[in-house]
Protein backbone atom coordinates (compact mmCIF):
# COMPACT_ATOMS: atom_id res chain seq x y z
CA MET A 1 -11.07 32.98 -7.75
CA PRO A 2 -7.50 31.37 -7.13
CA ASP A 3 -7.77 29.91 -4.02
CA ALA A 4 -10.93 27.96 -4.88
CA PRO A 5 -10.73 24.09 -4.19
CA ARG A 6 -9.82 22.70 -7.91
CA LEU A 7 -11.96 19.42 -8.76
CA ASP A 8 -8.87 17.84 -10.34
CA ARG A 9 -6.71 18.07 -6.70
CA GLN A 10 -9.62 16.19 -4.69
CA VAL A 11 -8.25 13.55 -3.44
CA CYS A 12 -12.47 12.32 -3.10
CA PHE A 13 -13.08 13.22 -5.86
CA ALA A 14 -10.42 10.57 -7.80
CA LEU A 15 -10.75 7.89 -5.48
CA TYR A 16 -14.87 8.17 -6.60
CA SER A 17 -13.98 8.16 -9.51
CA ALA A 18 -11.78 5.40 -9.59
CA SER A 19 -14.12 3.06 -7.72
CA ARG A 20 -16.91 3.89 -10.63
CA ALA A 21 -14.55 3.14 -14.15
CA ALA A 22 -13.40 -0.52 -11.34
CA THR A 23 -17.35 -0.93 -10.83
CA ALA A 24 -17.77 -0.45 -14.86
CA VAL A 25 -15.25 -2.82 -15.78
CA TYR A 26 -16.39 -5.38 -13.24
CA ARG A 27 -20.38 -5.41 -14.36
CA PRO A 28 -19.89 -7.27 -17.68
CA LEU A 29 -17.77 -9.76 -15.86
CA LEU A 30 -19.95 -10.19 -12.63
CA GLU A 31 -23.39 -10.24 -14.48
CA GLU A 32 -22.08 -13.11 -16.22
CA LEU A 33 -21.73 -14.94 -13.23
CA GLY A 34 -25.73 -13.51 -12.35
CA LEU A 35 -24.13 -11.14 -9.18
CA THR A 36 -23.55 -7.64 -8.17
CA TYR A 37 -20.31 -6.03 -7.47
CA PRO A 38 -21.91 -5.99 -3.88
CA GLN A 39 -23.49 -9.45 -3.51
CA TYR A 40 -19.32 -10.71 -5.38
CA LEU A 41 -17.42 -8.71 -2.19
CA VAL A 42 -19.69 -11.28 0.17
CA MET A 43 -18.50 -13.97 -1.62
CA LEU A 44 -15.34 -12.65 -1.71
CA VAL A 45 -14.98 -13.10 1.80
CA LEU A 46 -16.70 -16.44 1.88
CA TRP A 47 -14.48 -18.15 -0.66
CA GLU A 48 -11.52 -16.79 1.66
CA ASN A 49 -13.03 -18.41 4.58
CA GLU A 50 -16.27 -19.67 5.36
CA PRO A 51 -18.70 -19.65 7.15
CA ARG A 52 -18.89 -17.05 8.26
CA GLY A 53 -21.11 -15.35 10.88
CA VAL A 54 -22.89 -12.26 9.41
CA ARG A 55 -21.74 -10.11 12.14
CA GLU A 56 -17.88 -10.95 10.94
CA LEU A 57 -19.01 -10.52 7.25
CA GLY A 58 -20.48 -6.81 8.25
CA GLU A 59 -17.70 -5.98 10.12
CA GLU A 60 -15.10 -7.51 7.56
CA LEU A 61 -17.08 -5.15 4.42
CA GLY A 62 -17.80 -1.99 6.56
CA LEU A 63 -21.60 -3.29 5.90
CA ASP A 64 -24.53 -2.42 8.40
CA SER A 65 -27.11 -5.61 9.17
CA GLY A 66 -29.40 -3.26 6.98
CA THR A 67 -26.95 -2.90 3.78
CA LEU A 68 -26.05 -6.91 4.01
CA SER A 69 -29.47 -8.92 5.37
CA PRO A 70 -31.18 -8.36 1.86
CA LEU A 71 -27.59 -8.94 0.12
CA LEU A 72 -27.48 -12.09 1.95
CA LYS A 73 -31.62 -12.95 1.45
CA ARG A 74 -30.54 -12.34 -2.35
CA LEU A 75 -27.42 -14.72 -2.58
CA GLU A 76 -29.88 -17.34 -0.54
CA ALA A 77 -32.30 -16.88 -3.35
CA LEU A 78 -29.92 -17.86 -6.03
CA GLY A 79 -28.89 -20.58 -3.88
CA LEU A 80 -25.04 -19.67 -3.75
CA VAL A 81 -25.60 -19.31 0.13
CA GLU A 82 -27.11 -20.34 3.11
CA ARG A 83 -27.65 -18.73 6.35
CA ARG A 84 -28.11 -21.15 9.18
CA ARG A 85 -29.02 -20.54 12.96
CA SER A 86 -25.98 -21.60 15.82
CA ALA A 87 -27.69 -24.15 17.75
CA ALA A 88 -25.53 -22.90 20.85
CA ASP A 89 -27.21 -19.63 20.71
CA GLU A 90 -29.67 -18.81 18.33
CA ARG A 91 -28.66 -15.09 17.73
CA ARG A 92 -26.31 -16.35 15.97
CA VAL A 93 -26.05 -17.30 12.15
CA ALA A 94 -23.51 -17.86 10.67
CA VAL A 95 -23.42 -18.50 6.58
CA HIS A 96 -22.43 -21.21 4.46
CA LEU A 97 -21.49 -21.69 0.77
CA THR A 98 -23.80 -24.30 -1.02
CA ASP A 99 -21.99 -26.35 -3.45
CA ALA A 100 -22.92 -24.09 -6.13
CA GLY A 101 -21.10 -21.14 -4.55
CA LYS A 102 -18.71 -23.12 -3.66
CA ALA A 103 -18.03 -23.55 -7.47
CA LEU A 104 -18.86 -20.52 -8.12
CA SER A 105 -15.66 -19.30 -7.70
CA GLY A 106 -14.11 -21.45 -10.07
CA LYS A 107 -15.88 -18.80 -12.55
CA ALA A 108 -14.85 -16.12 -11.00
CA SER A 109 -11.01 -16.77 -10.79
CA GLY A 110 -10.06 -14.32 -13.57
CA VAL A 111 -11.98 -11.54 -12.69
CA PRO A 112 -9.29 -9.87 -10.80
CA GLN A 113 -6.81 -10.21 -13.39
CA HIS A 114 -9.05 -8.59 -16.33
CA LEU A 115 -9.34 -5.58 -13.63
CA ALA A 116 -5.55 -5.40 -13.69
CA ALA A 117 -5.56 -5.87 -17.22
CA ALA A 118 -7.45 -3.45 -17.75
CA ALA A 119 -5.73 -0.91 -15.10
CA GLY A 120 -3.02 -1.35 -17.72
CA LEU A 121 -0.23 -1.66 -14.20
CA SER A 122 2.00 -3.90 -13.40
CA PRO A 123 1.03 -6.35 -10.22
CA GLY A 124 3.88 -4.58 -8.15
CA GLU A 125 2.58 -0.75 -8.57
CA LEU A 126 -1.16 -2.21 -8.34
CA ASP A 127 0.29 -3.90 -4.55
CA GLN A 128 1.20 -0.81 -3.60
CA LEU A 129 -1.97 1.07 -4.78
CA ARG A 130 -4.30 -0.90 -2.27
CA GLU A 131 -1.28 -0.71 0.42
CA THR A 132 -1.92 2.62 0.15
CA LEU A 133 -5.58 3.22 -0.14
CA GLY A 134 -5.68 0.73 2.77
CA LYS A 135 -3.17 3.26 5.06
CA LEU A 136 -5.53 5.93 3.70
CA THR A 137 -7.98 3.74 4.81
CA ALA A 138 -7.47 2.89 7.93
CA ALA A 139 -6.17 6.97 8.89
CA LEU A 140 -9.61 8.15 8.18
CA HIS A 141 -11.21 5.58 9.75
CA ASP A 142 -9.08 6.19 12.91
CA SER A 143 -9.54 10.03 12.57
CA LEU A 144 -13.51 9.47 13.06
């Protein structure tokens, strides 16, 4: 069937395959840190700037509370974060790094470089890819 869509020409499949491959490269590095990939993403946001509100974290990561809450609960059980209710507004919960959570940042510092090396792309190529993926993500969100 000449007009049938081909798997190897689908952007969605290329994105899916790349995501799985990147996660597979990250997996052993993150296991050494005691984190899953989604937990690592939460920690990245907190290492950039903390404390963060739970709602703010969810928005930045594109996660709903049903997905984010168990992640935070597990990170709290690992002693990496602390959730604290706002004294001014009991409905607001802020996520703070513990000393152990802050210390883990140093141990995780080589993770992005490892992926870059495994990808075999120059820093400029990686920047361009990230930029293109950001544009794609924004355009797809806008189309919803």
